[in-house]
Amino acid sequence: MRFLLTVAVLFLLPFAGYYTWRGIKAARSAAGEGENGEARDLPPPPLQVLALVGAGLAIIGILALAIGTAFGGGAQTGQFRPPALEGGRVVPGRIDPVEQRREAPPEEEQEPAGDGARG
């Protein structure tokens, strides 16, 4: 599911960019561009590009965080074993679970062996 959403987002991004560009062109023509092609009410083109790039990066960052959080993939605990060649065949990599340390119960203090008399 995570892979499918990632592919879908990457597929739709160019279309979103195109429609954003078309929107800017429509706003420019509605604002009445001057003779040299500059719009009256819009910022200069370098700032428009910077704003679009910033907005695109923000959207991609938010989507990456949302998809990564929703579909996890993290929080795997264990010892990583890389792929290895054993007996002429490749054994795929894996994550072996970490054995939990079992704390031994505290030993009760025992008196030294003997007759029990101190002295």
N, C-alpha and C. Protein backbone atom coordinates (compact mmCIF):
# COMPACT_ATOMS: atom_id res chain seq x y z
N MET A 1 0.83 -1.19 0.00
CA MET A 1 0.00 0.00 0.00
C MET A 1 0.88 1.26 0.00
N ARG A 2 1.93 1.23 0.81
CA ARG A 2 2.83 2.37 0.88
C ARG A 2 3.49 2.63 -0.48
N PHE A 3 3.92 1.57 -1.12
CA PHE A 3 4.54 1.68 -2.43
C PHE A 3 3.55 2.26 -3.44
N LEU A 4 2.32 1.78 -3.39
CA LEU A 4 1.30 2.25 -4.33
C LEU A 4 1.03 3.74 -4.14
N LEU A 5 0.93 4.19 -2.90
CA LEU A 5 0.71 5.62 -2.65
C LEU A 5 1.90 6.45 -3.09
N THR A 6 3.08 5.96 -2.86
CA THR A 6 4.27 6.70 -3.28
C THR A 6 4.30 6.84 -4.80
N VAL A 7 4.01 5.78 -5.50
CA VAL A 7 3.99 5.82 -6.96
C VAL A 7 2.89 6.76 -7.44
N ALA A 8 1.72 6.72 -6.80
CA ALA A 8 0.62 7.58 -7.21
C ALA A 8 0.97 9.05 -7.01
N VAL A 9 1.59 9.38 -5.89
CA VAL A 9 1.98 10.77 -5.63
C VAL A 9 3.01 11.22 -6.67
N LEU A 10 4.01 10.40 -6.93
CA LEU A 10 5.02 10.77 -7.91
C LEU A 10 4.44 10.87 -9.31
N PHE A 11 3.42 10.10 -9.61
CA PHE A 11 2.77 10.18 -10.91
C PHE A 11 1.96 11.46 -11.04
N LEU A 12 1.30 11.88 -9.97
CA LEU A 12 0.40 13.05 -10.03
C LEU A 12 1.13 14.38 -9.88
N LEU A 13 2.35 14.40 -9.37
CA LEU A 13 3.08 15.66 -9.18
C LEU A 13 3.27 16.45 -10.47
N PRO A 14 3.64 15.86 -11.60
CA PRO A 14 3.78 16.66 -12.81
C PRO A 14 2.46 17.30 -13.25
N PHE A 15 1.35 16.60 -13.06
CA PHE A 15 0.06 17.17 -13.42
C PHE A 15 -0.27 18.37 -12.54
N ALA A 16 0.03 18.24 -11.24
CA ALA A 16 -0.20 19.36 -10.33
C ALA A 16 0.66 20.56 -10.72
N GLY A 17 1.90 20.31 -11.10
CA GLY A 17 2.76 21.40 -11.54
C GLY A 17 2.23 22.07 -12.80
N TYR A 18 1.73 21.26 -13.72
CA TYR A 18 1.19 21.82 -14.96
C TYR A 18 -0.03 22.70 -14.68
N TYR A 19 -0.95 22.21 -13.85
CA TYR A 19 -2.14 22.99 -13.56
C TYR A 19 -1.80 24.25 -12.76
N THR A 20 -0.77 24.18 -11.93
CA THR A 20 -0.32 25.38 -11.23
C THR A 20 0.22 26.40 -12.23
N TRP A 21 1.02 25.93 -13.17
CA TRP A 21 1.56 26.82 -14.20
C TRP A 21 0.44 27.44 -15.02
N ARG A 22 -0.55 26.63 -15.38
CA ARG A 22 -1.69 27.16 -16.15
C ARG A 22 -2.46 28.20 -15.33
N GLY A 23 -2.56 27.98 -14.03
CA GLY A 23 -3.24 28.95 -13.18
C GLY A 23 -2.50 30.28 -13.12
N ILE A 24 -1.18 30.21 -13.06
CA ILE A 24 -0.38 31.44 -13.04
C ILE A 24 -0.53 32.18 -14.37
N LYS A 25 -0.52 31.42 -15.48
CA LYS A 25 -0.69 32.06 -16.79
C LYS A 25 -2.07 32.71 -16.89
N ALA A 26 -3.10 32.05 -16.38
CA ALA A 26 -4.44 32.62 -16.43
C ALA A 26 -4.53 33.87 -15.56
N ALA A 27 -3.88 33.85 -14.40
CA ALA A 27 -3.88 35.02 -13.53
C ALA A 27 -3.14 36.17 -14.18
N ARG A 28 -2.06 35.86 -14.88
CA ARG A 28 -1.32 36.92 -15.57
C ARG A 28 -2.16 37.56 -16.67
N SER A 29 -2.84 36.71 -17.43
CA SER A 29 -3.63 37.28 -18.53
C SER A 29 -4.83 38.04 -17.98
N ALA A 30 -5.40 37.60 -16.86
CA ALA A 30 -6.52 38.33 -16.26
C ALA A 30 -6.05 39.65 -15.66
N ALA A 31 -4.80 39.68 -15.17
CA ALA A 31 -4.27 40.90 -14.57
C ALA A 31 -3.87 41.90 -15.65
N GLY A 32 -3.77 41.46 -16.88
CA GLY A 32 -3.42 42.35 -17.97
C GLY A 32 -1.93 42.60 -18.01
N GLU A 33 -1.23 41.77 -18.70
CA GLU A 33 0.22 41.92 -18.80
C GLU A 33 0.55 43.16 -19.61
N GLY A 34 1.67 43.75 -19.30
CA GLY A 34 2.15 44.90 -20.04
C GLY A 34 2.71 44.48 -21.39
N GLU A 35 3.24 45.43 -22.12
CA GLU A 35 3.76 45.14 -23.45
C GLU A 35 5.00 44.24 -23.41
N ASN A 36 5.79 44.35 -22.34
CA ASN A 36 7.01 43.53 -22.26
C ASN A 36 6.76 42.18 -21.58
N GLY A 37 5.51 41.82 -21.34
CA GLY A 37 5.18 40.51 -20.80
C GLY A 37 5.15 40.43 -19.29
N GLU A 38 5.28 41.55 -18.59
CA GLU A 38 5.26 41.51 -17.13
C GLU A 38 3.84 41.76 -16.61
N ALA A 39 3.45 41.00 -15.63
CA ALA A 39 2.15 41.20 -15.02
C ALA A 39 2.21 42.37 -14.05
N ARG A 40 1.11 43.04 -13.88
CA ARG A 40 1.10 44.22 -13.01
C ARG A 40 0.98 43.85 -11.53
N ASP A 41 0.14 42.85 -11.22
CA ASP A 41 -0.15 42.55 -9.82
C ASP A 41 0.63 41.37 -9.26
N LEU A 42 1.40 40.69 -10.06
CA LEU A 42 2.15 39.53 -9.59
C LEU A 42 3.60 39.92 -9.32
N PRO A 43 4.25 39.20 -8.39
CA PRO A 43 5.66 39.49 -8.15
C PRO A 43 6.49 39.12 -9.38
N PRO A 44 7.72 39.56 -9.44
CA PRO A 44 8.56 39.24 -10.59
C PRO A 44 8.75 37.72 -10.73
N PRO A 45 8.99 37.24 -11.95
CA PRO A 45 9.07 35.79 -12.19
C PRO A 45 10.03 35.02 -11.28
N PRO A 46 11.22 35.53 -10.93
CA PRO A 46 12.07 34.72 -10.03
C PRO A 46 11.41 34.45 -8.68
N LEU A 47 10.65 35.41 -8.18
CA LEU A 47 9.97 35.18 -6.91
C LEU A 47 8.81 34.21 -7.06
N GLN A 48 8.17 34.21 -8.22
CA GLN A 48 7.09 33.26 -8.47
C GLN A 48 7.66 31.83 -8.47
N VAL A 49 8.77 31.67 -9.15
CA VAL A 49 9.40 30.34 -9.21
C VAL A 49 9.83 29.91 -7.82
N LEU A 50 10.42 30.81 -7.07
CA LEU A 50 10.86 30.49 -5.71
C LEU A 50 9.66 30.11 -4.84
N ALA A 51 8.56 30.82 -4.99
CA ALA A 51 7.35 30.50 -4.21
C ALA A 51 6.81 29.13 -4.60
N LEU A 52 6.80 28.83 -5.89
CA LEU A 52 6.30 27.53 -6.33
C LEU A 52 7.20 26.40 -5.86
N VAL A 53 8.50 26.59 -5.94
CA VAL A 53 9.43 25.56 -5.48
C VAL A 53 9.27 25.35 -3.97
N GLY A 54 9.16 26.43 -3.23
CA GLY A 54 8.97 26.31 -1.78
C GLY A 54 7.67 25.60 -1.43
N ALA A 55 6.60 25.96 -2.13
CA ALA A 55 5.31 25.31 -1.87
C ALA A 55 5.39 23.82 -2.24
N GLY A 56 6.04 23.52 -3.35
CA GLY A 56 6.17 22.11 -3.75
C GLY A 56 6.97 21.30 -2.75
N LEU A 57 8.07 21.87 -2.27
CA LEU A 57 8.89 21.16 -1.27
C LEU A 57 8.12 20.97 0.03
N ALA A 58 7.35 21.97 0.41
CA ALA A 58 6.55 21.85 1.64
C ALA A 58 5.51 20.74 1.49
N ILE A 59 4.85 20.69 0.35
CA ILE A 59 3.84 19.65 0.12
C ILE A 59 4.48 18.27 0.10
N ILE A 60 5.61 18.15 -0.57
CA ILE A 60 6.30 16.85 -0.62
C ILE A 60 6.75 16.43 0.78
N GLY A 61 7.26 17.37 1.56
CA GLY A 61 7.68 17.05 2.93
C GLY A 61 6.53 16.59 3.80
N ILE A 62 5.41 17.29 3.69
CA ILE A 62 4.24 16.91 4.49
C ILE A 62 3.73 15.53 4.06
N LEU A 63 3.68 15.29 2.75
CA LEU A 63 3.24 13.98 2.27
C LEU A 63 4.19 12.88 2.71
N ALA A 64 5.48 13.13 2.65
CA ALA A 64 6.45 12.12 3.06
C ALA A 64 6.29 11.78 4.54
N LEU A 65 6.11 12.80 5.36
CA LEU A 65 5.91 12.55 6.79
C LEU A 65 4.61 11.80 7.04
N ALA A 66 3.55 12.20 6.35
CA ALA A 66 2.25 11.55 6.56
C ALA A 66 2.29 10.10 6.11
N ILE A 67 2.85 9.84 4.94
CA ILE A 67 2.90 8.47 4.43
C ILE A 67 3.83 7.62 5.30
N GLY A 68 4.97 8.18 5.68
CA GLY A 68 5.89 7.43 6.53
C GLY A 68 5.32 7.11 7.89
N THR A 69 4.56 8.05 8.45
CA THR A 69 3.96 7.82 9.76
C THR A 69 2.79 6.85 9.67
N ALA A 70 1.97 7.01 8.63
CA ALA A 70 0.78 6.17 8.52
C ALA A 70 1.10 4.72 8.23
N PHE A 71 2.10 4.49 7.41
CA PHE A 71 2.37 3.13 7.00
C PHE A 71 3.63 2.56 7.62
N GLY A 72 4.19 3.27 8.57
CA GLY A 72 5.29 2.76 9.37
C GLY A 72 6.47 2.26 8.59
N GLY A 73 6.96 1.14 9.02
CA GLY A 73 8.17 0.61 8.42
C GLY A 73 9.33 0.75 9.39
N GLY A 74 9.19 1.63 10.34
CA GLY A 74 10.24 1.83 11.32
C GLY A 74 9.98 0.98 12.55
N ALA A 75 10.69 1.27 13.58
CA ALA A 75 10.53 0.63 14.88
C ALA A 75 10.78 -0.87 14.83
N GLN A 76 11.65 -1.30 13.93
CA GLN A 76 12.01 -2.71 13.92
C GLN A 76 13.19 -2.88 14.85
N THR A 77 13.06 -3.79 15.76
CA THR A 77 14.16 -4.03 16.67
C THR A 77 14.73 -5.40 16.38
N GLY A 78 16.00 -5.50 16.47
CA GLY A 78 16.65 -6.76 16.24
C GLY A 78 18.04 -6.57 15.67
N GLN A 79 18.69 -7.66 15.41
CA GLN A 79 20.04 -7.65 14.85
C GLN A 79 19.94 -7.91 13.35
N PHE A 80 20.45 -6.96 12.54
CA PHE A 80 20.43 -7.11 11.09
C PHE A 80 21.50 -8.09 10.64
N ARG A 81 21.10 -9.04 9.83
CA ARG A 81 22.03 -10.00 9.23
C ARG A 81 22.02 -9.75 7.72
N PRO A 82 23.13 -9.28 7.15
CA PRO A 82 23.15 -8.98 5.71
C PRO A 82 23.10 -10.27 4.88
N PRO A 83 22.79 -10.14 3.59
CA PRO A 83 22.80 -11.34 2.74
C PRO A 83 24.19 -11.97 2.75
N ALA A 84 24.22 -13.29 2.68
CA ALA A 84 25.50 -14.00 2.75
C ALA A 84 25.49 -15.18 1.78
N LEU A 85 26.65 -15.61 1.41
CA LEU A 85 26.81 -16.77 0.54
C LEU A 85 27.18 -17.95 1.43
N GLU A 86 26.27 -18.90 1.54
CA GLU A 86 26.50 -20.08 2.39
C GLU A 86 26.26 -21.34 1.57
N GLY A 87 27.25 -22.15 1.47
CA GLY A 87 27.11 -23.43 0.76
C GLY A 87 26.78 -23.26 -0.71
N GLY A 88 27.24 -22.20 -1.33
CA GLY A 88 27.01 -22.01 -2.75
C GLY A 88 25.68 -21.37 -3.09
N ARG A 89 24.91 -20.94 -2.09
CA ARG A 89 23.65 -20.26 -2.37
C ARG A 89 23.57 -18.98 -1.52
N VAL A 90 22.81 -18.03 -2.01
CA VAL A 90 22.68 -16.75 -1.32
C VAL A 90 21.55 -16.84 -0.31
N VAL A 91 21.88 -16.55 0.91
CA VAL A 91 20.88 -16.48 1.98
C VAL A 91 20.48 -15.02 2.12
N PRO A 92 19.19 -14.70 1.95
CA PRO A 92 18.78 -13.29 1.98
C PRO A 92 19.00 -12.66 3.36
N GLY A 93 19.11 -11.34 3.36
CA GLY A 93 19.27 -10.62 4.61
C GLY A 93 18.01 -10.72 5.45
N ARG A 94 18.17 -10.51 6.73
CA ARG A 94 17.02 -10.62 7.64
C ARG A 94 17.31 -9.85 8.91
N ILE A 95 16.30 -9.72 9.72
CA ILE A 95 16.45 -9.10 11.03
C ILE A 95 16.09 -10.14 12.06
N ASP A 96 17.07 -10.57 12.82
CA ASP A 96 16.83 -11.55 13.88
C ASP A 96 16.39 -10.83 15.13
N PRO A 97 15.36 -11.36 15.81
CA PRO A 97 14.91 -10.69 17.04
C PRO A 97 15.99 -10.72 18.11
N VAL A 98 16.05 -9.66 18.88
CA VAL A 98 17.02 -9.57 19.97
C VAL A 98 16.44 -10.28 21.17
N GLU A 99 17.24 -11.14 21.75
CA GLU A 99 16.78 -11.84 22.94
C GLU A 99 16.76 -10.86 24.10
N GLN A 100 15.67 -10.85 24.82
CA GLN A 100 15.55 -9.97 25.98
C GLN A 100 16.38 -10.55 27.11
N ARG A 101 17.16 -9.69 27.71
CA ARG A 101 17.95 -10.15 28.86
C ARG A 101 17.03 -10.38 30.04
N ARG A 102 17.15 -11.52 30.59
CA ARG A 102 16.37 -11.81 31.78
C ARG A 102 17.27 -11.58 32.98
N GLU A 103 16.85 -10.67 33.79
CA GLU A 103 17.65 -10.38 34.97
C GLU A 103 17.41 -11.48 36.00
N ALA A 104 18.50 -12.01 36.50
CA ALA A 104 18.39 -13.04 37.51
C ALA A 104 17.88 -12.41 38.80
N PRO A 105 17.06 -13.14 39.50
CA PRO A 105 16.58 -12.58 40.77
C PRO A 105 17.77 -12.38 41.70
N PRO A 106 17.73 -11.32 42.48
CA PRO A 106 18.86 -11.07 43.38
C PRO A 106 19.03 -12.23 44.36
N GLU A 107 20.29 -12.64 44.48
CA GLU A 107 20.56 -13.76 45.39
C GLU A 107 20.52 -13.25 46.82
N GLU A 108 19.91 -14.06 47.63
CA GLU A 108 19.84 -13.68 49.04
C GLU A 108 21.22 -13.86 49.65
N GLU A 109 21.50 -12.94 50.55
CA GLU A 109 22.80 -13.05 51.21
C GLU A 109 22.81 -14.30 52.07
N GLN A 110 23.82 -15.09 51.85
CA GLN A 110 23.95 -16.33 52.62
C GLN A 110 25.14 -16.20 53.55
N GLU A 111 24.99 -16.76 54.71
CA GLU A 111 26.12 -16.75 55.65
C GLU A 111 27.10 -17.81 55.22
N PRO A 112 28.38 -17.54 55.44
CA PRO A 112 29.37 -18.53 55.06
C PRO A 112 29.14 -19.84 55.80
N ALA A 113 29.49 -20.91 55.10
CA ALA A 113 29.31 -22.25 55.69
C ALA A 113 30.21 -22.39 56.91
N GLY A 114 29.74 -23.00 57.85
CA GLY A 114 30.52 -23.20 59.07
C GLY A 114 29.60 -23.56 60.21
N ASP A 115 30.11 -23.45 61.43
CA ASP A 115 29.29 -23.81 62.56
C ASP A 115 28.40 -22.68 63.02
N GLY A 116 28.52 -21.54 62.40
CA GLY A 116 27.66 -20.42 62.76
C GLY A 116 28.20 -19.58 63.87
N ALA A 117 29.31 -20.03 64.51
CA ALA A 117 29.88 -19.25 65.59
C ALA A 117 30.91 -18.29 65.03
N ARG A 118 30.82 -17.08 65.48
CA ARG A 118 31.78 -16.07 65.01
C ARG A 118 32.84 -15.91 66.10
N GLY A 119 33.93 -15.65 65.61
CA GLY A 119 34.82 -15.44 66.68
C GLY A 119 36.19 -15.37 66.39
